[in-house]
Amino acid sequence: MLGTIGVLLVVAVVVAVVLVVVGMRAPEARDPIQARLAEFSVREEPLSLEEIELSQGFYDRIVLPFFNSVGKISQRFTPQATLKSTRRKLEMAGNPMRMDPSFFLTLRLILAVVFGGLIFIVFLVTGRNWVQGLALTVVFLLLGFMFPDLWLTSRISRRQKGVFRAMPDALDLLTVCVEAGLGFDAAMSKVQEKWENELALEFGRVIQEIRLGKLRRDALRDMAERIGVAELTSFIAAVIQSEQLGVSLAKVLRIQSDQMRVRRRQMAEEEAHRAPIKMIFPIALLIFPSILIVLLGPAALLLMSSTLGSMLMGR
C-alpha cells in the first residue's frame, strides 16, 4: 500500500512539474499581425514563404497546427453551444495560447487520457488491487478532464481583476485627454501608449477595429463582452449613451472615474474584511500545531523519560 502511494506521489509530482514548465513556456497573448509587421520592419531584404515559416517557433509551426487539425475532426461531433461557450471563455481569458475552441476541448480529452493512462499503467505494472486501480484511474481521468477548465477559469479571474484595478487610472487619463481637446479615439490611443496591461491592449484592439470600419459603439460593446467586468460594461454603456444623446463626454468620464475610485476603495475594504476569516484555517491547521510542538515537545520528552512517564507507558 505504501509503495503504491509512493508511486502515485512520484507520478503526481512529475505531472505537476511538466504542467508548470509548459505553463511558464506558454506564449503570452499578443497580436500576431503586429509581431509579424514589427519583424518585417527591421529587415531590409524581403523574405520567402519558407523563410517566414521557419522563422516561427516550434509551438507555432508544429504543436498548434497539429492540435488545430485534431480539433477540427472533433469539432464535427461537438455541439455548437459548447463551442460557442468555450470560444467566449477563451476570449475572456485573452486566449493566451491562441487556441481554437476545438483545440481546447481536444486538450481536455488528451489530458484526461494521459492522467488516467499513467495511473492505469502504474497499477498494471505493480499488480496491485484492480478495484482500487480502476477507481483511481477514473478519479485521475476526471481531474485531467477538469484541469484545463480550472486553468481557464483562473486566467479569466486574474484578467478581470487586472482590468478592474487598471480602470480608475485609465479613466483618469481618458478624462484628462478629452478635457484637453482630444477625441475619444485619440484618448484611447494615449491609454494604449501609456500602459501595457490588459485594458490598454483591449483599447488598442478597439482602435484597430474602428480603423477597419467597425462602428465605435459596436467595437466597445465587443470589448465589454470579451472582458466581462460589470464596471467596464457600465462605463461603456454610459459612453455610448452620451454619444447618442449628445451629452458632454468629458463630464461623463469624470463621473465614471470618481465612481470607479469609490468602487475600488470599497473592494479593497471588502478584501481587508475577508482577510481575518481566510487566516483562520492556516492558523488552525499549520501555525497552532507547530507552536504546540515547539512548546510542548520538550516537556513531553522529559515526561516520557521520567518515572511518571514510565508508569503511564506501562514500563
Protein backbone atom coordinates (compact mmCIF):
# COMPACT_ATOMS: atom_id res chain seq x y z
CA MET A 1 0.00 0.00 0.00
CA LEU A 2 2.78 2.41 0.93
CA GLY A 3 4.64 1.51 -2.26
CA THR A 4 1.57 2.31 -4.36
CA ILE A 5 1.10 5.64 -2.62
CA GLY A 6 4.77 6.46 -3.20
CA VAL A 7 4.49 5.67 -6.91
CA LEU A 8 1.35 7.80 -7.19
CA LEU A 9 3.08 10.70 -5.45
CA VAL A 10 6.05 10.44 -7.83
CA VAL A 11 3.72 10.40 -10.84
CA ALA A 12 1.76 13.38 -9.49
CA VAL A 13 4.97 15.36 -8.87
CA VAL A 14 6.26 14.61 -12.38
CA VAL A 15 2.97 15.62 -13.99
CA ALA A 16 2.84 18.82 -11.90
CA VAL A 17 6.40 19.75 -12.89
CA VAL A 18 5.61 19.15 -16.57
CA LEU A 19 2.47 21.29 -16.37
CA VAL A 20 4.33 24.11 -14.60
CA VAL A 21 7.10 24.07 -17.23
CA VAL A 22 4.56 24.09 -20.06
CA GLY A 23 2.65 26.94 -18.43
CA MET A 24 5.81 29.00 -17.96
CA ARG A 25 6.90 28.44 -21.54
CA ALA A 26 3.46 29.14 -22.98
CA PRO A 27 3.46 32.20 -25.22
CA GLU A 28 1.79 35.29 -23.87
CA ALA A 29 -1.23 36.84 -25.51
CA ARG A 30 -0.11 39.09 -28.34
CA ASP A 31 -1.22 40.23 -31.73
CA PRO A 32 0.47 38.00 -34.36
CA ILE A 33 -0.09 40.57 -37.10
CA GLN A 34 1.69 43.31 -35.17
CA ALA A 35 4.54 40.94 -34.32
CA ARG A 36 4.93 39.97 -37.98
CA LEU A 37 4.88 43.61 -39.11
CA ALA A 38 7.47 44.51 -36.49
CA GLU A 39 9.66 41.69 -37.74
CA PHE A 40 9.36 42.87 -41.34
CA SER A 41 10.10 46.49 -40.42
CA VAL A 42 13.59 45.64 -39.16
CA ARG A 43 14.55 43.61 -42.22
CA GLU A 44 15.96 45.14 -45.35
CA GLU A 45 15.52 42.16 -47.69
CA PRO A 46 12.15 40.52 -48.47
CA LEU A 47 11.58 37.01 -47.13
CA SER A 48 10.20 34.00 -48.90
CA LEU A 49 7.27 31.96 -47.55
CA GLU A 50 9.62 29.18 -46.49
CA GLU A 51 11.80 31.60 -44.50
CA ILE A 52 8.71 33.08 -42.87
CA GLU A 53 7.52 29.64 -41.77
CA LEU A 54 10.96 28.64 -40.49
CA SER A 55 11.24 31.89 -38.52
CA GLN A 56 8.32 30.85 -36.33
CA GLY A 57 8.78 28.82 -33.17
CA PHE A 58 8.19 25.12 -32.63
CA TYR A 59 4.82 25.79 -30.99
CA ASP A 60 3.55 27.88 -33.94
CA ARG A 61 4.85 25.53 -36.64
CA ILE A 62 4.09 22.08 -35.23
CA VAL A 63 2.19 21.96 -31.93
CA LEU A 64 -0.56 24.48 -32.70
CA PRO A 65 -1.34 23.22 -36.26
CA PHE A 66 -1.41 19.61 -35.03
CA PHE A 67 -3.90 20.28 -32.26
CA ASN A 68 -5.98 22.51 -34.54
CA SER A 69 -6.20 19.74 -37.14
CA VAL A 70 -7.21 17.22 -34.47
CA GLY A 71 -9.66 19.76 -33.09
CA LYS A 72 -11.31 20.22 -36.47
CA ILE A 73 -12.04 16.50 -36.53
CA SER A 74 -13.58 16.58 -33.05
CA GLN A 75 -15.48 19.76 -33.93
CA ARG A 76 -17.84 17.73 -36.09
CA PHE A 77 -19.06 15.82 -33.05
CA THR A 78 -19.21 18.78 -30.65
CA PRO A 79 -22.45 20.77 -30.13
CA GLN A 80 -22.35 24.32 -31.37
CA ALA A 81 -23.48 25.65 -28.00
CA THR A 82 -20.43 24.06 -26.35
CA LEU A 83 -18.10 25.56 -28.98
CA LYS A 84 -19.69 28.98 -28.57
CA SER A 85 -19.39 28.87 -24.78
CA THR A 86 -15.75 27.73 -25.00
CA ARG A 87 -14.92 30.45 -27.53
CA ARG A 88 -16.36 33.10 -25.22
CA LYS A 89 -14.33 31.78 -22.27
CA LEU A 90 -11.15 31.82 -24.34
CA GLU A 91 -11.82 35.42 -25.38
CA MET A 92 -12.47 36.42 -21.77
CA ALA A 93 -9.16 34.80 -20.77
CA GLY A 94 -7.31 36.68 -23.52
CA ASN A 95 -6.62 33.41 -25.37
CA PRO A 96 -3.01 33.17 -24.08
CA MET A 97 -2.04 30.23 -26.31
CA ARG A 98 -4.11 31.31 -29.37
CA MET A 99 -6.28 28.22 -29.10
CA ASP A 100 -9.41 27.41 -31.05
CA PRO A 101 -12.39 26.09 -29.07
CA SER A 102 -11.92 22.68 -30.72
CA PHE A 103 -8.23 22.75 -29.71
CA PHE A 104 -9.17 23.44 -26.10
CA LEU A 105 -11.76 20.65 -26.00
CA THR A 106 -9.28 18.23 -27.56
CA LEU A 107 -6.68 19.25 -24.96
CA ARG A 108 -9.13 18.32 -22.20
CA LEU A 109 -9.58 14.85 -23.67
CA ILE A 110 -5.84 14.36 -24.14
CA LEU A 111 -5.04 15.36 -20.55
CA ALA A 112 -7.77 13.07 -19.27
CA VAL A 113 -6.31 10.15 -21.21
CA VAL A 114 -2.75 11.00 -20.07
CA PHE A 115 -3.66 11.33 -16.38
CA GLY A 116 -5.81 8.22 -16.33
CA GLY A 117 -3.41 6.25 -18.52
CA LEU A 118 -0.44 6.94 -16.26
CA ILE A 119 -2.30 5.71 -13.18
CA PHE A 120 -3.60 2.65 -15.03
CA ILE A 121 -0.07 1.78 -16.22
CA VAL A 122 1.25 2.15 -12.67
CA PHE A 123 -1.30 -0.32 -11.32
CA LEU A 124 -0.78 -2.61 -14.31
CA VAL A 125 2.97 -2.75 -13.66
CA THR A 126 2.78 -3.07 -9.88
CA GLY A 127 -0.07 -5.61 -9.98
CA ARG A 128 -1.98 -4.03 -7.11
CA ASN A 129 -5.66 -4.21 -6.30
CA TRP A 130 -7.62 -3.80 -9.56
CA VAL A 131 -10.66 -2.24 -7.89
CA GLN A 132 -8.52 0.44 -6.28
CA GLY A 133 -6.62 0.95 -9.53
CA LEU A 134 -9.76 1.42 -11.59
CA ALA A 135 -11.20 3.81 -9.01
CA LEU A 136 -8.05 5.95 -9.02
CA THR A 137 -7.92 5.80 -12.83
CA VAL A 138 -11.45 7.21 -13.02
CA VAL A 139 -10.58 9.92 -10.50
CA PHE A 140 -7.49 10.99 -12.46
CA LEU A 141 -9.46 10.88 -15.71
CA LEU A 142 -11.88 13.40 -14.23
CA LEU A 143 -9.01 15.51 -12.87
CA GLY A 144 -7.30 15.58 -16.28
CA PHE A 145 -10.56 16.49 -17.97
CA MET A 146 -11.32 19.29 -15.49
CA PHE A 147 -7.79 20.73 -15.22
CA PRO A 148 -7.89 22.88 -18.44
CA ASP A 149 -11.26 24.31 -17.44
CA LEU A 150 -9.96 25.21 -13.98
CA TRP A 151 -6.85 26.79 -15.52
CA LEU A 152 -9.01 28.80 -17.94
CA THR A 153 -11.29 29.97 -15.12
CA SER A 154 -8.29 31.16 -13.11
CA ARG A 155 -6.96 33.05 -16.15
CA ILE A 156 -10.34 34.74 -16.61
CA SER A 157 -10.50 35.74 -12.94
CA ARG A 158 -6.92 37.09 -12.95
CA ARG A 159 -7.51 39.05 -16.16
CA GLN A 160 -10.76 40.56 -14.87
CA LYS A 161 -9.07 41.63 -11.64
CA GLY A 162 -6.26 43.25 -13.62
CA VAL A 163 -8.73 45.16 -15.79
CA PHE A 164 -10.74 46.28 -12.76
CA ARG A 165 -7.64 47.59 -10.97
CA ALA A 166 -6.44 49.43 -14.08
CA MET A 167 -9.78 51.10 -14.82
CA PRO A 168 -9.57 54.12 -12.43
CA ASP A 169 -6.16 55.23 -13.72
CA ALA A 170 -7.21 54.63 -17.33
CA LEU A 171 -10.42 56.63 -16.84
CA ASP A 172 -8.43 59.48 -15.28
CA LEU A 173 -6.17 59.59 -18.32
CA LEU A 174 -9.16 59.42 -20.66
CA THR A 175 -10.79 62.28 -18.78
CA VAL A 176 -7.68 64.45 -18.91
CA CYS A 177 -7.19 63.80 -22.63
CA VAL A 178 -10.82 64.53 -23.52
CA GLU A 179 -10.88 67.69 -21.40
CA ALA A 180 -7.67 68.78 -23.16
CA GLY A 181 -9.48 68.64 -26.52
CA LEU A 182 -8.67 65.17 -27.85
CA GLY A 183 -11.32 62.87 -29.26
CA PHE A 184 -12.27 59.65 -27.53
CA ASP A 185 -10.37 57.53 -30.06
CA ALA A 186 -7.21 59.60 -29.59
CA ALA A 187 -7.66 59.34 -25.82
CA MET A 188 -7.82 55.55 -26.08
CA SER A 189 -4.62 55.65 -28.13
CA LYS A 190 -2.94 57.58 -25.31
CA VAL A 191 -4.03 54.90 -22.83
CA GLN A 192 -2.57 52.24 -25.08
CA GLU A 193 0.72 54.13 -25.35
CA LYS A 194 0.91 54.77 -21.59
CA TRP A 195 0.43 51.22 -20.26
CA GLU A 196 0.84 47.63 -21.37
CA ASN A 197 -1.82 45.96 -19.24
CA GLU A 198 -4.87 44.02 -20.42
CA LEU A 199 -7.12 47.07 -20.53
CA ALA A 200 -4.64 49.01 -22.69
CA LEU A 201 -4.38 46.06 -25.07
CA GLU A 202 -8.15 45.92 -25.36
CA PHE A 203 -8.28 49.66 -26.11
CA GLY A 204 -5.69 49.09 -28.83
CA ARG A 205 -7.82 46.32 -30.32
CA VAL A 206 -10.85 48.63 -30.30
CA ILE A 207 -8.86 51.28 -32.17
CA GLN A 208 -7.78 48.73 -34.79
CA GLU A 209 -11.35 47.55 -35.27
CA ILE A 210 -12.53 51.15 -35.68
CA ARG A 211 -9.84 51.77 -38.30
CA LEU A 212 -11.01 48.67 -40.17
CA GLY A 213 -14.53 50.08 -40.44
CA LYS A 214 -16.40 48.85 -37.38
CA LEU A 215 -18.61 51.34 -35.58
CA ARG A 216 -17.17 52.60 -32.32
CA ARG A 217 -20.17 51.57 -30.24
CA ASP A 218 -20.04 48.04 -31.69
CA ALA A 219 -16.30 47.77 -31.01
CA LEU A 220 -16.80 48.98 -27.44
CA ARG A 221 -19.65 46.51 -26.86
CA ASP A 222 -17.48 43.68 -28.16
CA MET A 223 -14.72 44.72 -25.77
CA ALA A 224 -17.16 44.64 -22.85
CA GLU A 225 -18.27 41.11 -23.83
CA ARG A 226 -14.65 39.93 -24.17
CA ILE A 227 -13.71 41.13 -20.69
CA GLY A 228 -16.90 40.53 -18.74
CA VAL A 229 -16.35 43.10 -15.98
CA ALA A 230 -19.58 44.72 -14.81
CA GLU A 231 -17.95 48.10 -14.11
CA LEU A 232 -16.43 48.23 -17.59
CA THR A 233 -19.77 47.29 -19.15
CA SER A 234 -21.45 50.12 -17.24
CA PHE A 235 -18.74 52.58 -18.33
CA ILE A 236 -19.09 51.61 -21.99
CA ALA A 237 -22.88 51.88 -21.78
CA ALA A 238 -22.52 55.41 -20.39
CA VAL A 239 -20.09 56.39 -23.17
CA ILE A 240 -22.39 55.03 -25.89
CA GLN A 241 -25.40 56.74 -24.32
CA SER A 242 -23.58 60.08 -24.10
CA GLU A 243 -22.64 59.76 -27.78
CA GLN A 244 -26.22 59.04 -28.80
CA LEU A 245 -27.80 61.77 -26.62
CA GLY A 246 -25.16 64.42 -27.21
CA VAL A 247 -24.11 64.71 -23.56
CA SER A 248 -20.66 66.06 -22.75
CA LEU A 249 -18.28 63.12 -22.85
CA ALA A 250 -15.78 64.79 -20.51
CA LYS A 251 -18.45 65.16 -17.83
CA VAL A 252 -19.48 61.52 -18.20
CA LEU A 253 -15.86 60.38 -17.95
CA ARG A 254 -15.31 62.49 -14.83
CA ILE A 255 -18.35 60.94 -13.12
CA GLN A 256 -17.34 57.42 -14.15
CA SER A 257 -13.78 57.98 -12.92
CA ASP A 258 -14.98 59.13 -9.50
CA GLN A 259 -17.34 56.17 -9.23
CA MET A 260 -14.59 53.72 -10.19
CA ARG A 261 -12.27 55.04 -7.50
CA VAL A 262 -15.01 54.69 -4.90
CA ARG A 263 -15.74 51.17 -6.14
CA ARG A 264 -12.07 50.18 -5.99
CA ARG A 265 -11.78 51.51 -2.43
CA GLN A 266 -14.88 49.54 -1.43
CA MET A 267 -13.44 46.38 -2.98
CA ALA A 268 -10.17 46.91 -1.08
CA GLU A 269 -12.07 47.33 2.20
CA GLU A 270 -14.09 44.20 1.45
CA GLU A 271 -10.92 42.19 0.82
CA ALA A 272 -9.44 43.55 4.06
CA HIS A 273 -12.51 42.39 6.00
CA ARG A 274 -12.22 38.94 4.45
CA ALA A 275 -8.57 38.56 5.44
CA PRO A 276 -9.15 37.54 9.11
CA ILE A 277 -11.61 34.83 8.04
CA LYS A 278 -9.18 33.48 5.46
CA MET A 279 -6.41 33.38 8.05
CA ILE A 280 -8.38 31.11 10.43
CA PHE A 281 -7.73 27.90 8.51
CA PRO A 282 -3.94 28.24 8.03
CA ILE A 283 -3.58 29.39 11.64
CA ALA A 284 -5.61 26.47 12.99
CA LEU A 285 -4.09 23.82 10.72
CA LEU A 286 -0.47 24.98 10.37
CA ILE A 287 0.61 27.61 12.87
CA PHE A 288 -1.06 26.36 16.07
CA PRO A 289 0.17 22.75 15.68
CA SER A 290 3.71 24.00 15.08
CA ILE A 291 3.58 26.20 18.18
CA LEU A 292 2.25 23.33 20.27
CA ILE A 293 5.02 21.03 19.04
CA VAL A 294 7.71 23.62 19.82
CA LEU A 295 6.32 24.46 23.26
CA LEU A 296 5.11 21.06 24.46
CA GLY A 297 7.62 18.83 22.65
CA PRO A 298 10.49 19.21 25.17
CA ALA A 299 8.06 18.83 28.08
CA ALA A 300 6.63 15.65 26.54
CA LEU A 301 10.12 14.19 26.10
CA LEU A 302 11.03 14.95 29.72
CA LEU A 303 7.76 13.42 30.89
CA MET A 304 8.40 10.24 28.90
CA SER A 305 11.88 9.86 30.42
CA SER A 306 10.63 10.39 33.98
CA THR A 307 9.20 7.85 36.43
CA LEU A 308 5.66 9.06 35.83
CA GLY A 309 6.11 8.59 32.10
CA SER A 310 7.37 5.03 32.67
CA MET A 311 4.31 4.28 34.81
CA LEU A 312 1.93 5.72 32.22
CA MET A 313 3.56 3.78 29.40
CA GLY A 314 3.47 0.55 31.42
CA ARG A 315 7.20 0.01 31.58
